Amino acid sequence: LLVRTRWPVGVAVVTGAACAGRALYGHIGELLNLPVMVA
């Protein structure tokens, strides 16, 4: 998110992959997708 204004699409991809990784890893949470929403 620190570079989201410079590379918005790339940051959206990275945050989405990290969120999906956490979900596939078995960690759930209501706010864990907040970085994806901001991106």
PDB file of all heavy atoms in Angstrom:
ATOM      1  N   LEU A   1       0.813  -1.215   0.000  1.00  0.00           N
ATOM      2  CA  LEU A   1       0.000   0.000   0.000  1.00  0.00           C
ATOM      3  C   LEU A   1       0.850   1.270   0.000  1.00  0.00           C
ATOM      4  O   LEU A   1       0.361   2.339  -0.363  1.00  0.00           O
ATOM      5  CB  LEU A   1      -0.950   0.009   1.199  1.00  0.00           C
ATOM      6  CG  LEU A   1      -2.051  -1.038   1.183  1.00  0.00           C
ATOM      7  CD1 LEU A   1      -2.872  -0.955   2.458  1.00  0.00           C
ATOM      8  CD2 LEU A   1      -2.926  -0.891  -0.041  1.00  0.00           C
ATOM      9  N   LEU A   2       2.102   1.152   0.388  1.00  0.00           N
ATOM     10  CA  LEU A   2       2.984   2.324   0.401  1.00  0.00           C
ATOM     11  C   LEU A   2       3.233   2.878  -0.995  1.00  0.00           C
ATOM     12  O   LEU A   2       3.563   4.048  -1.149  1.00  0.00           O
ATOM     13  CB  LEU A   2       4.313   1.978   1.077  1.00  0.00           C
ATOM     14  CG  LEU A   2       4.220   1.617   2.560  1.00  0.00           C
ATOM     15  CD1 LEU A   2       5.564   1.130   3.061  1.00  0.00           C
ATOM     16  CD2 LEU A   2       3.719   2.795   3.373  1.00  0.00           C
ATOM     17  N   VAL A   3       3.094   2.035  -2.020  1.00  0.00           N
ATOM     18  CA  VAL A   3       3.334   2.476  -3.404  1.00  0.00           C
ATOM     19  C   VAL A   3       2.069   2.395  -4.247  1.00  0.00           C
ATOM     20  O   VAL A   3       2.130   2.342  -5.470  1.00  0.00           O
ATOM     21  CB  VAL A   3       4.480   1.660  -4.052  1.00  0.00           C
ATOM     22  CG1 VAL A   3       5.792   1.915  -3.355  1.00  0.00           C
ATOM     23  CG2 VAL A   3       4.162   0.177  -4.057  1.00  0.00           C
ATOM     24  N   ARG A   4       0.911   2.425  -3.596  1.00  0.00           N
ATOM     25  CA  ARG A   4      -0.345   2.225  -4.319  1.00  0.00           C
ATOM     26  C   ARG A   4      -0.661   3.337  -5.298  1.00  0.00           C
ATOM     27  O   ARG A   4      -1.318   3.096  -6.300  1.00  0.00           O
ATOM     28  CB  ARG A   4      -1.490   2.025  -3.335  1.00  0.00           C
ATOM     29  CG  ARG A   4      -1.962   3.274  -2.686  1.00  0.00           C
ATOM     30  CD  ARG A   4      -2.984   3.011  -1.599  1.00  0.00           C
ATOM     31  NE  ARG A   4      -3.618   4.230  -1.190  1.00  0.00           N
ATOM     32  CZ  ARG A   4      -3.022   5.211  -0.517  1.00  0.00           C
ATOM     33  NH1 ARG A   4      -1.761   5.096  -0.191  1.00  0.00           N
ATOM     34  NH2 ARG A   4      -3.676   6.297  -0.194  1.00  0.00           N
ATOM     35  N   THR A   5      -0.207   4.561  -5.044  1.00  0.00           N
ATOM     36  CA  THR A   5      -0.517   5.637  -5.986  1.00  0.00           C
ATOM     37  C   THR A   5       0.370   5.581  -7.224  1.00  0.00           C
ATOM     38  O   THR A   5      -0.013   6.077  -8.272  1.00  0.00           O
ATOM     39  CB  THR A   5      -0.373   7.012  -5.313  1.00  0.00           C
ATOM     40  OG1 THR A   5       0.937   7.151  -4.790  1.00  0.00           O
ATOM     41  CG2 THR A   5      -1.406   7.171  -4.209  1.00  0.00           C
ATOM     42  N   ARG A   6       1.523   4.977  -7.107  1.00  0.00           N
ATOM     43  CA  ARG A   6       2.424   4.874  -8.259  1.00  0.00           C
ATOM     44  C   ARG A   6       2.062   3.685  -9.150  1.00  0.00           C
ATOM     45  O   ARG A   6       2.106   3.776 -10.368  1.00  0.00           O
ATOM     46  CB  ARG A   6       3.862   4.764  -7.778  1.00  0.00           C
ATOM     47  CG  ARG A   6       4.849   4.766  -8.898  1.00  0.00           C
ATOM     48  CD  ARG A   6       6.251   4.932  -8.385  1.00  0.00           C
ATOM     49  NE  ARG A   6       7.180   4.895  -9.475  1.00  0.00           N
ATOM     50  CZ  ARG A   6       7.822   5.937  -9.939  1.00  0.00           C
ATOM     51  NH1 ARG A   6       7.637   7.111  -9.383  1.00  0.00           N
ATOM     52  NH2 ARG A   6       8.665   5.814 -10.933  1.00  0.00           N
ATOM     53  N   TRP A   7       1.755   2.549  -8.549  1.00  0.00           N
ATOM     54  CA  TRP A   7       1.408   1.332  -9.289  1.00  0.00           C
ATOM     55  C   TRP A   7       0.109   0.747  -8.739  1.00  0.00           C
ATOM     56  O   TRP A   7       0.098  -0.308  -8.097  1.00  0.00           O
ATOM     57  CB  TRP A   7       2.522   0.295  -9.175  1.00  0.00           C
ATOM     58  CG  TRP A   7       3.807   0.721  -9.771  1.00  0.00           C
ATOM     59  CD1 TRP A   7       4.070   0.967 -11.081  1.00  0.00           C
ATOM     60  CD2 TRP A   7       5.024   0.976  -9.067  1.00  0.00           C
ATOM     61  NE1 TRP A   7       5.378   1.350 -11.241  1.00  0.00           N
ATOM     62  CE2 TRP A   7       5.988   1.367 -10.016  1.00  0.00           C
ATOM     63  CE3 TRP A   7       5.397   0.928  -7.732  1.00  0.00           C
ATOM     64  CZ2 TRP A   7       7.277   1.695  -9.676  1.00  0.00           C
ATOM     65  CZ3 TRP A   7       6.688   1.252  -7.393  1.00  0.00           C
ATOM     66  CH2 TRP A   7       7.611   1.630  -8.355  1.00  0.00           C
ATOM     67  N   PRO A   8      -1.026   1.386  -8.996  1.00  0.00           N
ATOM     68  CA  PRO A   8      -2.277   0.923  -8.379  1.00  0.00           C
ATOM     69  C   PRO A   8      -2.693  -0.492  -8.780  1.00  0.00           C
ATOM     70  O   PRO A   8      -3.143  -1.263  -7.938  1.00  0.00           O
ATOM     71  CB  PRO A   8      -3.310   1.957  -8.815  1.00  0.00           C
ATOM     72  CG  PRO A   8      -2.698   2.736  -9.910  1.00  0.00           C
ATOM     73  CD  PRO A   8      -1.220   2.578  -9.805  1.00  0.00           C
ATOM     74  N   VAL A   9      -2.535  -0.846 -10.036  1.00  0.00           N
ATOM     75  CA  VAL A   9      -2.968  -2.181 -10.473  1.00  0.00           C
ATOM     76  C   VAL A   9      -2.051  -3.254  -9.896  1.00  0.00           C
ATOM     77  O   VAL A   9      -2.516  -4.290  -9.403  1.00  0.00           O
ATOM     78  CB  VAL A   9      -3.024  -2.259 -12.016  1.00  0.00           C
ATOM     79  CG1 VAL A   9      -3.329  -3.670 -12.478  1.00  0.00           C
ATOM     80  CG2 VAL A   9      -4.060  -1.292 -12.560  1.00  0.00           C
ATOM     81  N   GLY A  10      -0.765  -3.021  -9.919  1.00  0.00           N
ATOM     82  CA  GLY A  10       0.184  -3.977  -9.340  1.00  0.00           C
ATOM     83  C   GLY A  10      -0.050  -4.188  -7.855  1.00  0.00           C
ATOM     84  O   GLY A  10       0.014  -5.316  -7.352  1.00  0.00           O
ATOM     85  N   VAL A  11      -0.340  -3.108  -7.149  1.00  0.00           N
ATOM     86  CA  VAL A  11      -0.622  -3.215  -5.713  1.00  0.00           C
ATOM     87  C   VAL A  11      -1.912  -3.994  -5.483  1.00  0.00           C
ATOM     88  O   VAL A  11      -1.996  -4.802  -4.560  1.00  0.00           O
ATOM     89  CB  VAL A  11      -0.667  -1.813  -5.065  1.00  0.00           C
ATOM     90  CG1 VAL A  11      -1.208  -1.877  -3.654  1.00  0.00           C
ATOM     91  CG2 VAL A  11       0.721  -1.191  -5.081  1.00  0.00           C
ATOM     92  N   ALA A  12      -2.903  -3.789  -6.324  1.00  0.00           N
ATOM     93  CA  ALA A  12      -4.151  -4.553  -6.196  1.00  0.00           C
ATOM     94  C   ALA A  12      -3.895  -6.047  -6.399  1.00  0.00           C
ATOM     95  O   ALA A  12      -4.449  -6.888  -5.684  1.00  0.00           O
ATOM     96  CB  ALA A  12      -5.192  -4.044  -7.185  1.00  0.00           C
ATOM     97  N   VAL A  13      -3.038  -6.377  -7.347  1.00  0.00           N
ATOM     98  CA  VAL A  13      -2.705  -7.782  -7.592  1.00  0.00           C
ATOM     99  C   VAL A  13      -1.956  -8.371  -6.393  1.00  0.00           C
ATOM    100  O   VAL A  13      -2.258  -9.478  -5.928  1.00  0.00           O
ATOM    101  CB  VAL A  13      -1.886  -7.928  -8.889  1.00  0.00           C
ATOM    102  CG1 VAL A  13      -1.308  -9.327  -9.024  1.00  0.00           C
ATOM    103  CG2 VAL A  13      -2.734  -7.572 -10.095  1.00  0.00           C
ATOM    104  N   VAL A  14      -0.976  -7.642  -5.877  1.00  0.00           N
ATOM    105  CA  VAL A  14      -0.182  -8.134  -4.747  1.00  0.00           C
ATOM    106  C   VAL A  14      -1.046  -8.306  -3.500  1.00  0.00           C
ATOM    107  O   VAL A  14      -0.982  -9.336  -2.821  1.00  0.00           O
ATOM    108  CB  VAL A  14       1.013  -7.194  -4.473  1.00  0.00           C
ATOM    109  CG1 VAL A  14       1.676  -7.508  -3.144  1.00  0.00           C
ATOM    110  CG2 VAL A  14       2.018  -7.282  -5.600  1.00  0.00           C
ATOM    111  N   THR A  15      -1.868  -7.299  -3.189  1.00  0.00           N
ATOM    112  CA  THR A  15      -2.702  -7.417  -1.995  1.00  0.00           C
ATOM    113  C   THR A  15      -3.754  -8.515  -2.156  1.00  0.00           C
ATOM    114  O   THR A  15      -4.060  -9.225  -1.200  1.00  0.00           O
ATOM    115  CB  THR A  15      -3.392  -6.074  -1.666  1.00  0.00           C
ATOM    116  OG1 THR A  15      -4.151  -5.641  -2.784  1.00  0.00           O
ATOM    117  CG2 THR A  15      -2.383  -5.025  -1.266  1.00  0.00           C
ATOM    118  N   GLY A  16      -4.276  -8.671  -3.364  1.00  0.00           N
ATOM    119  CA  GLY A  16      -5.227  -9.753  -3.609  1.00  0.00           C
ATOM    120  C   GLY A  16      -4.592 -11.123  -3.456  1.00  0.00           C
ATOM    121  O   GLY A  16      -5.186 -12.039  -2.878  1.00  0.00           O
ATOM    122  N   ALA A  17      -3.373 -11.263  -3.955  1.00  0.00           N
ATOM    123  CA  ALA A  17      -2.661 -12.541  -3.813  1.00  0.00           C
ATOM    124  C   ALA A  17      -2.349 -12.833  -2.350  1.00  0.00           C
ATOM    125  O   ALA A  17      -2.468 -13.982  -1.900  1.00  0.00           O
ATOM    126  CB  ALA A  17      -1.379 -12.511  -4.640  1.00  0.00           C
ATOM    127  N   ALA A  18      -1.957 -11.809  -1.597  1.00  0.00           N
ATOM    128  CA  ALA A  18      -1.667 -12.008  -0.174  1.00  0.00           C
ATOM    129  C   ALA A  18      -2.928 -12.390   0.591  1.00  0.00           C
ATOM    130  O   ALA A  18      -2.902 -13.264   1.460  1.00  0.00           O
ATOM    131  CB  ALA A  18      -1.036 -10.752   0.422  1.00  0.00           C
ATOM    132  N   CYS A  19      -4.035 -11.760   0.264  1.00  0.00           N
ATOM    133  CA  CYS A  19      -5.309 -12.080   0.918  1.00  0.00           C
ATOM    134  C   CYS A  19      -5.735 -13.512   0.581  1.00  0.00           C
ATOM    135  O   CYS A  19      -6.165 -14.263   1.458  1.00  0.00           O
ATOM    136  CB  CYS A  19      -6.372 -11.078   0.497  1.00  0.00           C
ATOM    137  SG  CYS A  19      -7.944 -11.284   1.347  1.00  0.00           S
ATOM    138  N   ALA A  20      -5.607 -13.875  -0.682  1.00  0.00           N
ATOM    139  CA  ALA A  20      -5.945 -15.242  -1.088  1.00  0.00           C
ATOM    140  C   ALA A  20      -5.008 -16.247  -0.426  1.00  0.00           C
ATOM    141  O   ALA A  20      -5.437 -17.326  -0.010  1.00  0.00           O
ATOM    142  CB  ALA A  20      -5.867 -15.375  -2.606  1.00  0.00           C
ATOM    143  N   GLY A  21      -3.735 -15.888  -0.310  1.00  0.00           N
ATOM    144  CA  GLY A  21      -2.773 -16.763   0.361  1.00  0.00           C
ATOM    145  C   GLY A  21      -3.146 -17.009   1.810  1.00  0.00           C
ATOM    146  O   GLY A  21      -3.056 -18.141   2.300  1.00  0.00           O
ATOM    147  N   ARG A  22      -3.560 -15.950   2.501  1.00  0.00           N
ATOM    148  CA  ARG A  22      -3.986 -16.129   3.898  1.00  0.00           C
ATOM    149  C   ARG A  22      -5.211 -17.027   3.983  1.00  0.00           C
ATOM    150  O   ARG A  22      -5.298 -17.892   4.863  1.00  0.00           O
ATOM    151  CB  ARG A  22      -4.301 -14.775   4.534  1.00  0.00           C
ATOM    152  CG  ARG A  22      -3.108 -14.074   5.097  1.00  0.00           C
ATOM    153  CD  ARG A  22      -3.530 -12.914   5.968  1.00  0.00           C
ATOM    154  NE  ARG A  22      -4.315 -11.912   5.258  1.00  0.00           N
ATOM    155  CZ  ARG A  22      -3.798 -10.870   4.639  1.00  0.00           C
ATOM    156  NH1 ARG A  22      -2.500 -10.682   4.633  1.00  0.00           N
ATOM    157  NH2 ARG A  22      -4.578 -10.014   4.027  1.00  0.00           N
ATOM    158  N   ALA A  23      -6.156 -16.836   3.092  1.00  0.00           N
ATOM    159  CA  ALA A  23      -7.369 -17.656   3.113  1.00  0.00           C
ATOM    160  C   ALA A  23      -7.044 -19.117   2.803  1.00  0.00           C
ATOM    161  O   ALA A  23      -7.541 -20.027   3.468  1.00  0.00           O
ATOM    162  CB  ALA A  23      -8.387 -17.118   2.117  1.00  0.00           C
ATOM    163  N   LEU A  24      -6.201 -19.346   1.806  1.00  0.00           N
ATOM    164  CA  LEU A  24      -5.821 -20.719   1.466  1.00  0.00           C
ATOM    165  C   LEU A  24      -4.975 -21.359   2.563  1.00  0.00           C
ATOM    166  O   LEU A  24      -5.001 -22.579   2.748  1.00  0.00           O
ATOM    167  CB  LEU A  24      -5.060 -20.736   0.138  1.00  0.00           C
ATOM    168  CG  LEU A  24      -5.895 -20.393  -1.090  1.00  0.00           C
ATOM    169  CD1 LEU A  24      -5.009 -20.262  -2.319  1.00  0.00           C
ATOM    170  CD2 LEU A  24      -6.974 -21.438  -1.306  1.00  0.00           C
ATOM    171  N   TYR A  25      -4.239 -20.543   3.291  1.00  0.00           N
ATOM    172  CA  TYR A  25      -3.414 -21.023   4.391  1.00  0.00           C
ATOM    173  C   TYR A  25      -4.272 -21.406   5.597  1.00  0.00           C
ATOM    174  O   TYR A  25      -3.840 -22.112   6.475  1.00  0.00           O
ATOM    175  CB  TYR A  25      -2.394 -19.936   4.747  1.00  0.00           C
ATOM    176  CG  TYR A  25      -1.316 -20.356   5.696  1.00  0.00           C
ATOM    177  CD1 TYR A  25      -0.437 -21.384   5.383  1.00  0.00           C
ATOM    178  CD2 TYR A  25      -1.168 -19.722   6.914  1.00  0.00           C
ATOM    179  CE1 TYR A  25       0.552 -21.768   6.249  1.00  0.00           C
ATOM    180  CE2 TYR A  25      -0.178 -20.084   7.797  1.00  0.00           C
ATOM    181  CZ  TYR A  25       0.681 -21.108   7.455  1.00  0.00           C
ATOM    182  OH  TYR A  25       1.665 -21.480   8.333  1.00  0.00           O
ATOM    183  N   GLY A  26      -5.503 -20.912   5.638  1.00  0.00           N
ATOM    184  CA  GLY A  26      -6.424 -21.283   6.692  1.00  0.00           C
ATOM    185  C   GLY A  26      -6.632 -20.220   7.746  1.00  0.00           C
ATOM    186  O   GLY A  26      -7.190 -20.484   8.799  1.00  0.00           O
ATOM    187  N   HIS A  27      -6.197 -19.009   7.470  1.00  0.00           N
ATOM    188  CA  HIS A  27      -6.381 -17.927   8.436  1.00  0.00           C
ATOM    189  C   HIS A  27      -7.523 -17.053   7.952  1.00  0.00           C
ATOM    190  O   HIS A  27      -7.470 -16.506   6.857  1.00  0.00           O
ATOM    191  CB  HIS A  27      -5.103 -17.103   8.565  1.00  0.00           C
ATOM    192  CG  HIS A  27      -5.119 -16.208   9.746  1.00  0.00           C
ATOM    193  ND1 HIS A  27      -4.654 -16.612  10.971  1.00  0.00           N
ATOM    194  CD2 HIS A  27      -5.557 -14.956   9.911  1.00  0.00           C
ATOM    195  CE1 HIS A  27      -4.794 -15.627  11.839  1.00  0.00           C
ATOM    196  NE2 HIS A  27      -5.345 -14.605  11.216  1.00  0.00           N
ATOM    197  N   ILE A  28      -8.557 -16.942   8.759  1.00  0.00           N
ATOM    198  CA  ILE A  28      -9.708 -16.144   8.370  1.00  0.00           C
ATOM    199  C   ILE A  28      -9.786 -14.898   9.242  1.00  0.00           C
ATOM    200  O   ILE A  28      -9.204 -14.844  10.319  1.00  0.00           O
ATOM    201  CB  ILE A  28     -11.017 -16.951   8.466  1.00  0.00           C
ATOM    202  CG1 ILE A  28     -11.251 -17.410   9.905  1.00  0.00           C
ATOM    203  CG2 ILE A  28     -11.004 -18.127   7.521  1.00  0.00           C
ATOM    204  CD1 ILE A  28     -12.618 -17.970  10.143  1.00  0.00           C
ATOM    205  N   GLY A  29     -10.498 -13.905   8.767  1.00  0.00           N
ATOM    206  CA  GLY A  29     -10.676 -12.680   9.534  1.00  0.00           C
ATOM    207  C   GLY A  29     -11.519 -11.702   8.743  1.00  0.00           C
ATOM    208  O   GLY A  29     -11.495 -11.691   7.505  1.00  0.00           O
ATOM    209  N   GLU A  30     -12.238 -10.869   9.459  1.00  0.00           N
ATOM    210  CA  GLU A  30     -13.139  -9.931   8.800  1.00  0.00           C
ATOM    211  C   GLU A  30     -12.392  -8.786   8.124  1.00  0.00           C
ATOM    212  O   GLU A  30     -12.797  -8.292   7.083  1.00  0.00           O
ATOM    213  CB  GLU A  30     -14.143  -9.357   9.807  1.00  0.00           C
ATOM    214  CG  GLU A  30     -15.169 -10.351  10.281  1.00  0.00           C
ATOM    215  CD  GLU A  30     -14.624 -11.294  11.357  1.00  0.00           C
ATOM    216  OE1 GLU A  30     -13.603 -10.961  11.993  1.00  0.00           O
ATOM    217  OE2 GLU A  30     -15.208 -12.361  11.532  1.00  0.00           O
ATOM    218  N   LEU A  31     -11.305  -8.331   8.716  1.00  0.00           N
ATOM    219  CA  LEU A  31     -10.597  -7.164   8.176  1.00  0.00           C
ATOM    220  C   LEU A  31      -9.340  -7.514   7.394  1.00  0.00           C
ATOM    221  O   LEU A  31      -8.616  -6.622   6.966  1.00  0.00           O
ATOM    222  CB  LEU A  31     -10.243  -6.208   9.322  1.00  0.00           C
ATOM    223  CG  LEU A  31     -11.434  -5.533   9.987  1.00  0.00           C
ATOM    224  CD1 LEU A  31     -10.969  -4.688  11.161  1.00  0.00           C
ATOM    225  CD2 LEU A  31     -12.190  -4.680   8.996  1.00  0.00           C
ATOM    226  N   LEU A  32      -9.069  -8.782   7.183  1.00  0.00           N
ATOM    227  CA  LEU A  32      -7.855  -9.158   6.457  1.00  0.00           C
ATOM    228  C   LEU A  32      -7.910  -8.774   4.992  1.00  0.00           C
ATOM    229  O   LEU A  32      -6.887  -8.721   4.311  1.00  0.00           O
ATOM    230  CB  LEU A  32      -7.579 -10.653   6.608  1.00  0.00           C
ATOM    231  CG  LEU A  32      -7.221 -11.094   8.032  1.00  0.00           C
ATOM    232  CD1 LEU A  32      -6.990 -12.584   8.063  1.00  0.00           C
ATOM    233  CD2 LEU A  32      -6.000 -10.352   8.532  1.00  0.00           C
ATOM    234  N   ASN A  33      -9.097  -8.482   4.478  1.00  0.00           N
ATOM    235  CA  ASN A  33      -9.218  -8.046   3.084  1.00  0.00           C
ATOM    236  C   ASN A  33      -9.202  -6.525   2.952  1.00  0.00           C
ATOM    237  O   ASN A  33      -9.353  -5.997   1.856  1.00  0.00           O
ATOM    238  CB  ASN A  33     -10.469  -8.635   2.435  1.00  0.00           C
ATOM    239  CG  ASN A  33     -11.731  -8.216   3.142  1.00  0.00           C
ATOM    240  OD1 ASN A  33     -11.697  -7.589   4.198  1.00  0.00           O
ATOM    241  ND2 ASN A  33     -12.861  -8.576   2.577  1.00  0.00           N
ATOM    242  N   LEU A  34      -8.991  -5.806   4.040  1.00  0.00           N
ATOM    243  CA  LEU A  34      -8.957  -4.345   3.991  1.00  0.00           C
ATOM    244  C   LEU A  34      -7.863  -3.809   3.061  1.00  0.00           C
ATOM    245  O   LEU A  34      -8.123  -2.864   2.305  1.00  0.00           O
ATOM    246  CB  LEU A  34      -8.809  -3.779   5.407  1.00  0.00           C
ATOM    247  CG  LEU A  34      -8.907  -2.265   5.549  1.00  0.00           C
ATOM    248  CD1 LEU A  34     -10.230  -1.748   5.014  1.00  0.00           C
ATOM    249  CD2 LEU A  34      -8.729  -1.868   7.012  1.00  0.00           C
ATOM    250  N   PRO A  35      -6.645  -4.374   3.056  1.00  0.00           N
ATOM    251  CA  PRO A  35      -5.651  -3.879   2.086  1.00  0.00           C
ATOM    252  C   PRO A  35      -6.118  -4.018   0.635  1.00  0.00           C
ATOM    253  O   PRO A  35      -5.861  -3.143  -0.194  1.00  0.00           O
ATOM    254  CB  PRO A  35      -4.417  -4.735   2.355  1.00  0.00           C
ATOM    255  CG  PRO A  35      -4.558  -5.163   3.768  1.00  0.00           C
ATOM    256  CD  PRO A  35      -6.039  -5.324   3.981  1.00  0.00           C
ATOM    257  N   VAL A  36      -6.824  -5.087   0.329  1.00  0.00           N
ATOM    258  CA  VAL A  36      -7.337  -5.290  -1.030  1.00  0.00           C
ATOM    259  C   VAL A  36      -8.389  -4.230  -1.360  1.00  0.00           C
ATOM    260  O   VAL A  36      -8.389  -3.662  -2.460  1.00  0.00           O
ATOM    261  CB  VAL A  36      -7.935  -6.700  -1.197  1.00  0.00           C
ATOM    262  CG1 VAL A  36      -8.479  -6.896  -2.599  1.00  0.00           C
ATOM    263  CG2 VAL A  36      -6.917  -7.760  -0.865  1.00  0.00           C
ATOM    264  N   MET A  37      -9.264  -3.942  -0.412  1.00  0.00           N
ATOM    265  CA  MET A  37     -10.297  -2.939  -0.652  1.00  0.00           C
ATOM    266  C   MET A  37      -9.676  -1.560  -0.894  1.00  0.00           C
ATOM    267  O   MET A  37     -10.106  -0.832  -1.793  1.00  0.00           O
ATOM    268  CB  MET A  37     -11.272  -2.888   0.522  1.00  0.00           C
ATOM    269  CG  MET A  37     -12.141  -4.116   0.617  1.00  0.00           C
ATOM    270  SD  MET A  37     -13.441  -3.975   1.849  1.00  0.00           S
ATOM    271  CE  MET A  37     -12.511  -4.219   3.351  1.00  0.00           C
ATOM    272  N   VAL A  38      -8.656  -1.212  -0.122  1.00  0.00           N
ATOM    273  CA  VAL A  38      -7.988   0.076  -0.317  1.00  0.00           C
ATOM    274  C   VAL A  38      -7.288   0.106  -1.671  1.00  0.00           C
ATOM    275  O   VAL A  38      -7.341   1.102  -2.392  1.00  0.00           O
ATOM    276  CB  VAL A  38      -6.990   0.343   0.832  1.00  0.00           C
ATOM    277  CG1 VAL A  38      -6.111   1.550   0.540  1.00  0.00           C
ATOM    278  CG2 VAL A  38      -7.739   0.535   2.137  1.00  0.00           C
ATOM    279  N   ALA A  39      -6.645  -0.995  -2.037  1.00  0.00           N
ATOM    280  CA  ALA A  39      -5.955  -1.054  -3.326  1.00  0.00           C
ATOM    281  C   ALA A  39      -6.940  -0.940  -4.484  1.00  0.00           C
ATOM    282  O   ALA A  39      -6.681  -0.219  -5.462  1.00  0.00           O
ATOM    283  CB  ALA A  39      -5.150  -2.346  -3.432  1.00  0.00           C
TER     284      ALA A  39
END
